[in-house]
Structure formats: structure tokens, C-alpha cells
């Protein structure tokens, strides 16, 4: 599923902070790695969450006995 407009804005904002040297990991350390900045952006925008696959349901079987 493609990213929504809100998600794209969030990623843009986080990457802008990274470029300016204002993005922090946790609360104190500045992020120096671009890969880490991308991971933070994806996490904050909700794109890194696992989504359930459509059409798959578990069939529960009862044991006789």
C-alpha cells in the first residue's frame, strides 16, 4: 500500500531535521546515519508496521476427546 499524504509529510519533516542536524535518537544523541534517519522517519509515519495479509483466516479445529 502506498504512503498517504500525511505519511509523506512526516518523512519529509524528519529528513529535513536530519539534514539540518537537529534529528535526535531517543532524546540526546544526534542521528549521524542517513539509514537511521530513514528508519526513524518510517517508524514515526507508521510505514514500518506489519500489516496483516488480506484473505487469510485461521481455521481452528477442535480435538475430539
PDB file of N, CA and C in Angstrom:
ATOM      1  N   UNK A   1       0.842  -1.183   0.000  1.00  0.00           N
ATOM      2  CA  UNK A   1       0.000   0.000   0.000  1.00  0.00           C
ATOM      3  C   UNK A   1       0.884   1.242   0.000  1.00  0.00           C
ATOM      4  N   UNK A   2       0.642   2.165  -0.898  1.00  0.00           N
ATOM      5  CA  UNK A   2       1.467   3.382  -0.959  1.00  0.00           C
ATOM      6  C   UNK A   2       1.248   4.288   0.246  1.00  0.00           C
ATOM      7  N   UNK A   3       2.208   5.136   0.481  1.00  0.00           N
ATOM      8  CA  UNK A   3       2.150   6.046   1.626  1.00  0.00           C
ATOM      9  C   UNK A   3       1.097   7.129   1.401  1.00  0.00           C
ATOM     10  N   UNK A   4       0.442   7.513   2.487  1.00  0.00           N
ATOM     11  CA  UNK A   4      -0.561   8.572   2.408  1.00  0.00           C
ATOM     12  C   UNK A   4       0.133   9.938   2.400  1.00  0.00           C
ATOM     13  N   UNK A   5      -0.644  10.956   2.186  1.00  0.00           N
ATOM     14  CA  UNK A   5      -0.097  12.316   2.143  1.00  0.00           C
ATOM     15  C   UNK A   5       0.503  12.706   3.492  1.00  0.00           C
ATOM     16  N   UNK A   6      -0.183  12.328   4.588  1.00  0.00           N
ATOM     17  CA  UNK A   6       0.315  12.641   5.931  1.00  0.00           C
ATOM     18  C   UNK A   6       1.638  11.937   6.198  1.00  0.00           C
ATOM     19  N   UNK A   7       1.735  10.681   5.768  1.00  0.00           N
ATOM     20  CA  UNK A   7       2.958   9.915   5.976  1.00  0.00           C
ATOM     21  C   UNK A   7       4.115  10.530   5.205  1.00  0.00           C
ATOM     22  N   UNK A   8       3.859  10.958   3.985  1.00  0.00           N
ATOM     23  CA  UNK A   8       4.903  11.584   3.168  1.00  0.00           C
ATOM     24  C   UNK A   8       5.397  12.877   3.814  1.00  0.00           C
ATOM     25  N   UNK A   9       4.451  13.654   4.369  1.00  0.00           N
ATOM     26  CA  UNK A   9       4.824  14.904   5.043  1.00  0.00           C
ATOM     27  C   UNK A   9       5.709  14.647   6.248  1.00  0.00           C
ATOM     28  N   UNK A  10       5.366  13.600   7.004  1.00  0.00           N
ATOM     29  CA  UNK A  10       6.131  13.263   8.206  1.00  0.00           C
ATOM     30  C   UNK A  10       7.549  12.854   7.835  1.00  0.00           C
ATOM     31  N   UNK A  11       7.683  12.032   6.800  1.00  0.00           N
ATOM     32  CA  UNK A  11       9.003  11.594   6.346  1.00  0.00           C
ATOM     33  C   UNK A  11       9.821  12.805   5.896  1.00  0.00           C
ATOM     34  N   UNK A  12       9.184  13.699   5.155  1.00  0.00           N
ATOM     35  CA  UNK A  12       9.867  14.903   4.668  1.00  0.00           C
ATOM     36  C   UNK A  12      10.364  15.754   5.835  1.00  0.00           C
ATOM     37  N   UNK A  13       9.522  15.889   6.866  1.00  0.00           N
ATOM     38  CA  UNK A  13       9.879  16.696   8.040  1.00  0.00           C
ATOM     39  C   UNK A  13      11.066  16.089   8.784  1.00  0.00           C
ATOM     40  N   UNK A  14      11.028  14.771   8.976  1.00  0.00           N
ATOM     41  CA  UNK A  14      12.107  14.093   9.704  1.00  0.00           C
ATOM     42  C   UNK A  14      13.417  14.178   8.923  1.00  0.00           C
ATOM     43  N   UNK A  15      13.359  13.971   7.621  1.00  0.00           N
ATOM     44  CA  UNK A  15      14.580  14.031   6.809  1.00  0.00           C
ATOM     45  C   UNK A  15      15.137  15.462   6.774  1.00  0.00           C
ATOM     46  N   UNK A  16      14.254  16.450   6.828  1.00  0.00           N
ATOM     47  CA  UNK A  16      14.692  17.846   6.881  1.00  0.00           C
ATOM     48  C   UNK A  16      15.453  18.099   8.186  1.00  0.00           C
ATOM     49  N   UNK A  17      14.919  17.564   9.287  1.00  0.00           N
ATOM     50  CA  UNK A  17      15.599  17.702  10.582  1.00  0.00           C
ATOM     51  C   UNK A  17      16.978  17.041  10.527  1.00  0.00           C
ATOM     52  N   UNK A  18      17.039  15.885   9.889  1.00  0.00           N
ATOM     53  CA  UNK A  18      18.319  15.170   9.775  1.00  0.00           C
ATOM     54  C   UNK A  18      19.339  16.005   9.005  1.00  0.00           C
ATOM     55  N   UNK A  19      18.919  16.574   7.899  1.00  0.00           N
ATOM     56  CA  UNK A  19      19.826  17.375   7.076  1.00  0.00           C
ATOM     57  C   UNK A  19      20.339  18.604   7.817  1.00  0.00           C
ATOM     58  N   UNK A  20      19.498  19.170   8.684  1.00  0.00           N
ATOM     59  CA  UNK A  20      19.887  20.351   9.459  1.00  0.00           C
ATOM     60  C   UNK A  20      20.668  19.985  10.720  1.00  0.00           C
ATOM     61  N   UNK A  21      20.757  18.685  11.016  1.00  0.00           N
ATOM     62  CA  UNK A  21      21.495  18.248  12.207  1.00  0.00           C
ATOM     63  C   UNK A  21      20.695  18.363  13.488  1.00  0.00           C
ATOM     64  N   UNK A  22      19.363  18.368  13.374  1.00  0.00           N
ATOM     65  CA  UNK A  22      18.506  18.536  14.538  1.00  0.00           C
ATOM     66  C   UNK A  22      17.807  17.251  14.956  1.00  0.00           C
ATOM     67  N   UNK A  23      17.922  16.196  14.161  1.00  0.00           N
ATOM     68  CA  UNK A  23      17.239  14.939  14.464  1.00  0.00           C
ATOM     69  C   UNK A  23      17.991  14.197  15.558  1.00  0.00           C
ATOM     70  N   UNK A  24      17.257  13.792  16.595  1.00  0.00           N
ATOM     71  CA  UNK A  24      17.884  13.107  17.718  1.00  0.00           C
ATOM     72  C   UNK A  24      17.270  11.730  17.895  1.00  0.00           C
ATOM     73  N   UNK A  25      18.100  10.807  18.319  1.00  0.00           N
ATOM     74  CA  UNK A  25      17.672   9.442  18.581  1.00  0.00           C
ATOM     75  C   UNK A  25      17.451   9.290  20.076  1.00  0.00           C
ATOM     76  N   UNK A  26      16.259   8.904  20.464  1.00  0.00           N
ATOM     77  CA  UNK A  26      15.961   8.766  21.883  1.00  0.00           C
ATOM     78  C   UNK A  26      15.665  10.118  22.493  1.00  0.00           C
ATOM     79  N   UNK A  27      16.659  10.926  22.688  1.00  0.00           N
ATOM     80  CA  UNK A  27      16.436  12.241  23.264  1.00  0.00           C
ATOM     81  C   UNK A  27      17.702  13.067  23.305  1.00  0.00           C
ATOM     82  N   UNK A  28      18.858  12.383  23.288  1.00  0.00           N
ATOM     83  CA  UNK A  28      20.109  13.122  23.436  1.00  0.00           C
ATOM     84  C   UNK A  28      21.006  13.074  22.210  1.00  0.00           C
ATOM     85  N   UNK A  29      21.255  11.873  21.717  1.00  0.00           N
ATOM     86  CA  UNK A  29      22.229  11.713  20.636  1.00  0.00           C
ATOM     87  C   UNK A  29      21.694  12.166  19.287  1.00  0.00           C
ATOM     88  N   UNK A  30      22.509  12.895  18.555  1.00  0.00           N
ATOM     89  CA  UNK A  30      22.139  13.323  17.222  1.00  0.00           C
ATOM     90  C   UNK A  30      22.330  12.152  16.261  1.00  0.00           C
ATOM     91  N   UNK A  31      21.423  12.037  15.314  1.00  0.00           N
ATOM     92  CA  UNK A  31      21.500  10.971  14.324  1.00  0.00           C
ATOM     93  C   UNK A  31      22.507  11.380  13.259  1.00  0.00           C
ATOM     94  N   UNK A  32      23.473  10.496  12.987  1.00  0.00           N
ATOM     95  CA  UNK A  32      24.502  10.795  12.000  1.00  0.00           C
ATOM     96  C   UNK A  32      24.337   9.959  10.737  1.00  0.00           C
ATOM     97  N   UNK A  33      23.650   8.844  10.850  1.00  0.00           N
ATOM     98  CA  UNK A  33      23.482   7.922   9.736  1.00  0.00           C
ATOM     99  C   UNK A  33      22.190   8.208   8.976  1.00  0.00           C
ATOM    100  N   UNK A  34      22.295   8.268   7.656  1.00  0.00           N
ATOM    101  CA  UNK A  34      21.111   8.502   6.830  1.00  0.00           C
ATOM    102  C   UNK A  34      20.147   7.322   6.939  1.00  0.00           C
ATOM    103  N   UNK A  35      20.690   6.115   7.027  1.00  0.00           N
ATOM    104  CA  UNK A  35      19.852   4.917   7.156  1.00  0.00           C
ATOM    105  C   UNK A  35      19.029   4.965   8.438  1.00  0.00           C
ATOM    106  N   UNK A  36      19.640   5.425   9.511  1.00  0.00           N
ATOM    107  CA  UNK A  36      18.929   5.525  10.782  1.00  0.00           C
ATOM    108  C   UNK A  36      17.841   6.599  10.689  1.00  0.00           C
ATOM    109  N   UNK A  37      18.127   7.681   9.988  1.00  0.00           N
ATOM    110  CA  UNK A  37      17.146   8.744   9.816  1.00  0.00           C
ATOM    111  C   UNK A  37      15.939   8.237   9.033  1.00  0.00           C
ATOM    112  N   UNK A  38      16.186   7.437   8.009  1.00  0.00           N
ATOM    113  CA  UNK A  38      15.097   6.869   7.218  1.00  0.00           C
ATOM    114  C   UNK A  38      14.265   5.930   8.082  1.00  0.00           C
ATOM    115  N   UNK A  39      14.938   5.125   8.910  1.00  0.00           N
ATOM    116  CA  UNK A  39      14.224   4.201   9.796  1.00  0.00           C
ATOM    117  C   UNK A  39      13.342   4.953  10.789  1.00  0.00           C
ATOM    118  N   UNK A  40      13.842   6.044  11.322  1.00  0.00           N
ATOM    119  CA  UNK A  40      13.068   6.868  12.260  1.00  0.00           C
ATOM    120  C   UNK A  40      11.858   7.477  11.542  1.00  0.00           C
ATOM    121  N   UNK A  41      12.083   7.969  10.333  1.00  0.00           N
ATOM    122  CA  UNK A  41      11.011   8.587   9.554  1.00  0.00           C
ATOM    123  C   UNK A  41       9.917   7.574   9.244  1.00  0.00           C
ATOM    124  N   UNK A  42      10.302   6.372   8.837  1.00  0.00           N
ATOM    125  CA  UNK A  42       9.319   5.329   8.517  1.00  0.00           C
ATOM    126  C   UNK A  42       8.545   4.922   9.769  1.00  0.00           C
ATOM    127  N   UNK A  43       9.257   4.841  10.884  1.00  0.00           N
ATOM    128  CA  UNK A  43       8.626   4.440  12.133  1.00  0.00           C
ATOM    129  C   UNK A  43       7.612   5.492  12.597  1.00  0.00           C
ATOM    130  N   UNK A  44       8.006   6.746  12.565  1.00  0.00           N
ATOM    131  CA  UNK A  44       7.135   7.821  13.023  1.00  0.00           C
ATOM    132  C   UNK A  44       5.905   7.996  12.135  1.00  0.00           C
ATOM    133  N   UNK A  45       6.061   7.731  10.837  1.00  0.00           N
ATOM    134  CA  UNK A  45       4.934   7.908   9.931  1.00  0.00           C
ATOM    135  C   UNK A  45       4.033   6.677   9.887  1.00  0.00           C
ATOM    136  N   UNK A  46       4.474   5.581  10.506  1.00  0.00           N
ATOM    137  CA  UNK A  46       3.645   4.377  10.565  1.00  0.00           C
ATOM    138  C   UNK A  46       3.790   3.469   9.374  1.00  0.00           C
ATOM    139  N   UNK A  47       4.820   3.656   8.576  1.00  0.00           N
ATOM    140  CA  UNK A  47       5.016   2.830   7.394  1.00  0.00           C
ATOM    141  C   UNK A  47       5.786   1.550   7.692  1.00  0.00           C
ATOM    142  N   UNK A  48       6.400   1.468   8.847  1.00  0.00           N
ATOM    143  CA  UNK A  48       7.226   0.306   9.152  1.00  0.00           C
ATOM    144  C   UNK A  48       6.449  -0.792   9.871  1.00  0.00           C
ATOM    145  N   UNK A  49       5.184  -0.542  10.153  1.00  0.00           N
ATOM    146  CA  UNK A  49       4.380  -1.538  10.868  1.00  0.00           C
ATOM    147  C   UNK A  49       3.963  -2.661   9.932  1.00  0.00           C
ATOM    148  N   UNK A  50       3.926  -3.869  10.488  1.00  0.00           N
ATOM    149  CA  UNK A  50       3.479  -5.011   9.694  1.00  0.00           C
ATOM    150  C   UNK A  50       1.973  -4.936   9.529  1.00  0.00           C
ATOM    151  N   UNK A  51       1.519  -5.212   8.334  1.00  0.00           N
ATOM    152  CA  UNK A  51       0.095  -5.212   8.060  1.00  0.00           C
ATOM    153  C   UNK A  51      -0.348  -6.652   7.793  1.00  0.00           C
ATOM    154  N   UNK A  52      -1.487  -7.067   8.329  1.00  0.00           N
ATOM    155  CA  UNK A  52      -1.943  -8.438   8.094  1.00  0.00           C
ATOM    156  C   UNK A  52      -2.291  -8.656   6.621  1.00  0.00           C
ATOM    157  N   UNK A  53      -2.012  -9.854   6.135  1.00  0.00           N
ATOM    158  CA  UNK A  53      -2.325 -10.167   4.748  1.00  0.00           C
ATOM    159  C   UNK A  53      -3.830 -10.389   4.609  1.00  0.00           C
ATOM    160  N   UNK A  54      -4.403  -9.816   3.583  1.00  0.00           N
ATOM    161  CA  UNK A  54      -5.838  -9.917   3.368  1.00  0.00           C
ATOM    162  C   UNK A  54      -6.201 -11.317   2.874  1.00  0.00           C
ATOM    163  N   UNK A  55      -7.349 -11.799   3.322  1.00  0.00           N
ATOM    164  CA  UNK A  55      -7.854 -13.066   2.818  1.00  0.00           C
ATOM    165  C   UNK A  55      -7.367 -14.296   3.557  1.00  0.00           C
ATOM    166  N   UNK A  56      -6.564 -14.135   4.572  1.00  0.00           N
ATOM    167  CA  UNK A  56      -6.063 -15.293   5.313  1.00  0.00           C
ATOM    168  C   UNK A  56      -6.722 -15.337   6.684  1.00  0.00           C
ATOM    169  N   UNK A  57      -7.392 -16.418   6.953  1.00  0.00           N
ATOM    170  CA  UNK A  57      -8.011 -16.613   8.254  1.00  0.00           C
ATOM    171  C   UNK A  57      -7.564 -17.956   8.799  1.00  0.00           C
ATOM    172  N   UNK A  58      -7.409 -18.018  10.081  1.00  0.00           N
ATOM    173  CA  UNK A  58      -7.023 -19.270  10.711  1.00  0.00           C
ATOM    174  C   UNK A  58      -8.252 -20.131  10.947  1.00  0.00           C
ATOM    175  N   UNK A  59      -8.152 -21.383  10.590  1.00  0.00           N
ATOM    176  CA  UNK A  59      -9.236 -22.328  10.836  1.00  0.00           C
ATOM    177  C   UNK A  59      -8.882 -23.136  12.067  1.00  0.00           C
ATOM    178  N   UNK A  60      -9.666 -22.968  13.108  1.00  0.00           N
ATOM    179  CA  UNK A  60      -9.410 -23.687  14.350  1.00  0.00           C
ATOM    180  C   UNK A  60     -10.140 -25.018  14.323  1.00  0.00           C
ATOM    181  N   UNK A  61      -9.424 -26.041  14.676  1.00  0.00           N
ATOM    182  CA  UNK A  61     -10.018 -27.375  14.730  1.00  0.00           C
ATOM    183  C   UNK A  61     -10.147 -27.812  16.174  1.00  0.00           C
ATOM    184  N   UNK A  62     -11.286 -28.394  16.484  1.00  0.00           N
ATOM    185  CA  UNK A  62     -11.484 -28.897  17.839  1.00  0.00           C
ATOM    186  C   UNK A  62     -10.994 -30.348  17.902  1.00  0.00           C
ATOM    187  N   UNK A  63     -10.296 -30.643  18.980  1.00  0.00           N
ATOM    188  CA  UNK A  63      -9.827 -32.014  19.172  1.00  0.00           C
ATOM    189  C   UNK A  63     -10.929 -32.836  19.811  1.00  0.00           C
ATOM    190  N   UNK A  64     -11.122 -34.028  19.299  1.00  0.00           N
ATOM    191  CA  UNK A  64     -12.109 -34.940  19.885  1.00  0.00           C
ATOM    192  C   UNK A  64     -11.486 -35.634  21.086  1.00  0.00           C
ATOM    193  N   UNK A  65     -12.209 -35.677  22.157  1.00  0.00           N
ATOM    194  CA  UNK A  65     -11.629 -36.407  23.265  1.00  0.00           C
ATOM    195  C   UNK A  65     -11.910 -35.819  24.537  1.00  0.00           C
TER     196      UNK A  65
END
